[in-house]
Protein backbone atom coordinates (compact mmCIF):
# COMPACT_ATOMS: atom_id res chain seq x y z
CA UNK A 1 -6.56 -47.15 -6.29
CA UNK A 2 -8.84 -49.17 -4.63
CA UNK A 3 -10.17 -45.67 -3.28
CA UNK A 4 -10.45 -44.75 -7.35
CA UNK A 5 -12.27 -47.75 -8.18
CA UNK A 6 -14.95 -47.71 -4.76
CA UNK A 7 -15.57 -44.06 -6.58
CA UNK A 8 -16.05 -44.80 -10.22
CA UNK A 9 -18.42 -47.68 -8.67
CA UNK A 10 -20.57 -45.89 -7.04
CA UNK A 11 -20.66 -43.18 -9.42
CA UNK A 12 -21.32 -45.88 -12.10
CA UNK A 13 -24.02 -47.20 -9.32
CA UNK A 14 -25.83 -43.49 -9.66
CA UNK A 15 -25.80 -43.14 -12.92
CA UNK A 16 -27.53 -47.04 -13.47
CA UNK A 17 -30.19 -45.79 -10.14
CA UNK A 18 -30.95 -42.07 -12.11
CA UNK A 19 -30.99 -43.95 -15.51
CA UNK A 20 -34.27 -46.16 -13.75
CA UNK A 21 -35.66 -43.91 -11.93
CA UNK A 22 -35.78 -41.05 -14.06
CA UNK A 23 -38.32 -42.38 -16.71
CA UNK A 24 -40.54 -43.38 -13.76
CA UNK A 25 -40.35 -39.90 -12.24
CA UNK A 26 -41.34 -38.75 -15.71
CA UNK A 27 -43.87 -40.68 -16.16
CA UNK A 28 -45.10 -40.42 -12.58
CA UNK A 29 -45.09 -36.69 -13.27
CA UNK A 30 -46.49 -36.82 -16.85
CA UNK A 31 -49.50 -38.71 -15.30
CA UNK A 32 -50.09 -35.67 -11.88
CA UNK A 33 -49.85 -33.29 -14.53
CA UNK A 34 -52.63 -34.28 -16.79
CA UNK A 35 -54.85 -35.87 -14.19
CA UNK A 36 -54.60 -32.20 -12.40
CA UNK A 37 -55.58 -30.99 -15.82
CA UNK A 38 -58.41 -33.02 -16.80
CA UNK A 39 -59.51 -34.38 -13.12
CA UNK A 40 -62.53 -37.27 -13.98
CA UNK A 41 -62.11 -36.87 -17.52
CA UNK A 42 -58.58 -38.13 -17.12
CA UNK A 43 -60.28 -41.27 -15.28
CA UNK A 44 -62.98 -41.76 -17.88
CA UNK A 45 -60.60 -41.76 -20.39
CA UNK A 46 -58.07 -44.55 -18.82
CA UNK A 47 -61.30 -46.38 -18.21
CA UNK A 48 -62.56 -46.48 -21.58
CA UNK A 49 -59.06 -46.71 -23.51
CA UNK A 50 -58.40 -49.56 -20.86
CA UNK A 51 -54.51 -48.38 -20.79
CA UNK A 52 -53.17 -45.26 -18.65
CA UNK A 53 -50.14 -44.91 -21.39
CA UNK A 54 -53.02 -44.73 -24.19
CA UNK A 55 -55.00 -42.15 -21.80
CA UNK A 56 -52.18 -40.04 -21.36
CA UNK A 57 -51.47 -40.02 -25.25
CA UNK A 58 -55.22 -39.38 -26.31
CA UNK A 59 -55.29 -36.44 -23.55
CA UNK A 60 -52.38 -34.87 -24.90
CA UNK A 61 -53.62 -35.16 -28.64
CA UNK A 62 -56.80 -33.34 -27.75
CA UNK A 63 -54.74 -31.07 -26.21
CA UNK A 64 -52.79 -30.39 -29.47
CA UNK A 65 -55.77 -30.29 -31.45
CA UNK A 66 -57.64 -27.46 -29.40
CA UNK A 67 -54.26 -25.73 -29.73
CA UNK A 68 -54.21 -25.65 -33.42
CA UNK A 69 -57.66 -24.39 -33.44
CA UNK A 70 -58.96 -20.86 -33.84
CA UNK A 71 -61.18 -21.17 -30.54
CA UNK A 72 -62.01 -17.56 -29.66
CA UNK A 73 -64.77 -15.64 -27.11
CA UNK A 74 -68.12 -14.29 -28.58
CA UNK A 75 -68.70 -11.03 -29.23
CA UNK A 76 -70.54 -8.46 -26.76
CA UNK A 77 -73.04 -8.23 -29.00
CA UNK A 78 -73.27 -12.39 -29.65
CA UNK A 79 -72.99 -13.24 -25.76
CA UNK A 80 -76.20 -10.39 -25.91
CA UNK A 81 -78.21 -12.09 -28.12
CA UNK A 82 -77.44 -15.66 -27.27
CA UNK A 83 -78.31 -15.24 -23.69
CA UNK A 84 -81.70 -14.16 -25.14
CA UNK A 85 -82.21 -16.81 -27.10
CA UNK A 86 -80.86 -19.36 -23.77
CA UNK A 87 -83.67 -17.46 -21.62
CA UNK A 88 -86.47 -18.02 -24.49
CA UNK A 89 -85.22 -21.87 -24.49
CA UNK A 90 -85.57 -21.95 -20.99
CA UNK A 91 -88.98 -20.40 -20.44
CA UNK A 92 -89.86 -23.24 -23.07
CA UNK A 93 -88.62 -25.96 -20.45
CA UNK A 94 -92.24 -25.43 -18.48
CA UNK A 95 -94.28 -26.19 -21.38
CA UNK A 96 -92.44 -28.16 -23.46
CA UNK A 97 -89.64 -29.95 -21.36
CA UNK A 98 -88.96 -31.97 -24.58
CA UNK A 99 -88.37 -29.10 -27.38
CA UNK A 100 -86.37 -27.26 -24.72
CA UNK A 101 -83.94 -30.08 -25.00
CA UNK A 102 -83.33 -30.39 -28.38
CA UNK A 103 -83.19 -26.13 -28.40
CA UNK A 104 -80.69 -26.42 -25.81
CA UNK A 105 -78.75 -28.94 -27.67
CA UNK A 106 -78.96 -26.62 -30.73
CA UNK A 107 -78.26 -23.42 -29.23
CA UNK A 108 -74.92 -25.54 -27.45
CA UNK A 109 -73.63 -26.52 -31.01
CA UNK A 110 -74.47 -23.10 -32.54
CA UNK A 111 -72.06 -21.39 -30.10
CA UNK A 112 -69.41 -23.61 -30.09
CA UNK A 113 -69.90 -23.16 -34.20
CA UNK A 114 -69.80 -19.53 -33.77
CA UNK A 115 -67.13 -19.85 -31.06
CA UNK A 116 -64.73 -21.85 -33.48
CA UNK A 117 -65.39 -25.53 -32.65
CA UNK A 118 -65.82 -28.38 -35.11
CA UNK A 119 -68.80 -29.83 -34.85
CA UNK A 120 -68.13 -33.48 -36.29
CA UNK A 121 -69.30 -35.87 -34.35
CA UNK A 122 -70.43 -35.66 -30.89
CA UNK A 123 -67.71 -37.56 -29.11
CA UNK A 124 -64.94 -34.93 -30.93
CA UNK A 125 -66.74 -32.28 -29.50
CA UNK A 126 -67.02 -33.89 -26.21
CA UNK A 127 -63.19 -34.21 -27.00
CA UNK A 128 -62.65 -30.35 -27.71
CA UNK A 129 -64.59 -29.66 -24.47
CA UNK A 130 -62.63 -31.67 -22.33
CA UNK A 131 -59.72 -29.61 -22.65
CA UNK A 132 -60.77 -26.36 -21.80
CA UNK A 133 -63.94 -27.10 -19.70
CA UNK A 134 -62.34 -30.75 -18.29
CA UNK A 135 -65.17 -30.55 -14.68
CA UNK A 136 -67.94 -29.61 -17.47
CA UNK A 137 -67.46 -32.63 -19.98
CA UNK A 138 -68.78 -35.66 -17.57
CA UNK A 139 -72.28 -33.45 -17.78
CA UNK A 140 -72.02 -32.74 -21.71
CA UNK A 141 -72.39 -36.45 -21.89
CA UNK A 142 -74.60 -37.24 -19.35
CA UNK A 143 -76.62 -34.33 -21.39
CA UNK A 144 -76.51 -35.93 -24.41
CA UNK A 145 -78.23 -39.08 -23.02
CA UNK A 146 -80.79 -37.93 -22.08
CA UNK A 147 -81.24 -35.99 -25.32
CA UNK A 148 -81.02 -39.34 -27.34
CA UNK A 149 -83.47 -40.85 -24.50
CA UNK A 150 -85.94 -37.69 -25.61
CA UNK A 151 -85.43 -38.31 -29.25
CA UNK A 152 -87.47 -41.40 -28.17
CA UNK A 153 -89.76 -40.16 -25.90
CA UNK A 154 -88.16 -41.90 -23.06
CA UNK A 155 -87.14 -39.40 -20.85
CA UNK A 156 -88.88 -38.11 -17.91
CA UNK A 157 -89.33 -34.98 -16.52
CA UNK A 158 -86.68 -35.04 -14.30
CA UNK A 159 -84.31 -36.48 -16.39
CA UNK A 160 -84.85 -33.54 -19.27
CA UNK A 161 -84.71 -30.63 -15.86
CA UNK A 162 -81.06 -32.39 -15.13
CA UNK A 163 -79.96 -32.24 -18.96
CA UNK A 164 -81.12 -28.62 -18.78
CA UNK A 165 -78.97 -27.88 -15.74
CA UNK A 166 -76.17 -30.08 -17.49
CA UNK A 167 -76.44 -27.83 -20.67
CA UNK A 168 -76.69 -24.76 -18.82
CA UNK A 169 -73.52 -24.82 -17.20
CA UNK A 170 -71.90 -25.68 -20.15
CA UNK A 171 -73.69 -22.76 -21.85
CA UNK A 172 -72.39 -20.18 -19.41
CA UNK A 173 -68.88 -21.55 -19.77
CA UNK A 174 -69.45 -21.01 -23.22
CA UNK A 175 -70.60 -17.74 -23.82
CA UNK A 176 -67.84 -15.95 -21.21
CA UNK A 177 -66.63 -13.27 -23.33
CA UNK A 178 -63.36 -10.95 -23.08
CA UNK A 179 -65.49 -8.25 -23.79
CA UNK A 180 -68.18 -8.79 -21.09
CA UNK A 181 -67.78 -9.75 -17.51
CA UNK A 182 -70.21 -12.38 -16.55
């Protein structure tokens, strides 16, 4: 009889330990999954929101939001057209770097709109971009800061050059199509 009580006590103990450990393991797995997917954007969101659980919820909401959108690739013709447009913007940089940054920002927004990203405000665009391009969203934010400085005539040529590089990295990813191998 004592053996049965011991077995029952051990079984109950295992159930209790499992009930305590399971949620902790699930939280850790969720955290690892989101950190692997979002990289530095995970850390940025935690820092911005000040709470890891809120950040995780925010990132999962971003995923759901983007999944609900009808984001689609460019056609081969659209791809070709925007490559030419980018080449024109880039060549303008030599003589008019400030205007080239304005044009690069506009071109990014045109491509995003054509692909069906909502353009409501910058923070929403950055959040949407972070789902598909988590490694590039920090560059997009940095380019935006420089573009805003540029509007106030406060950005120097080196900053404008860096913004152009940041915009180009995102632009290249946005331009990828199913029909054309870039």
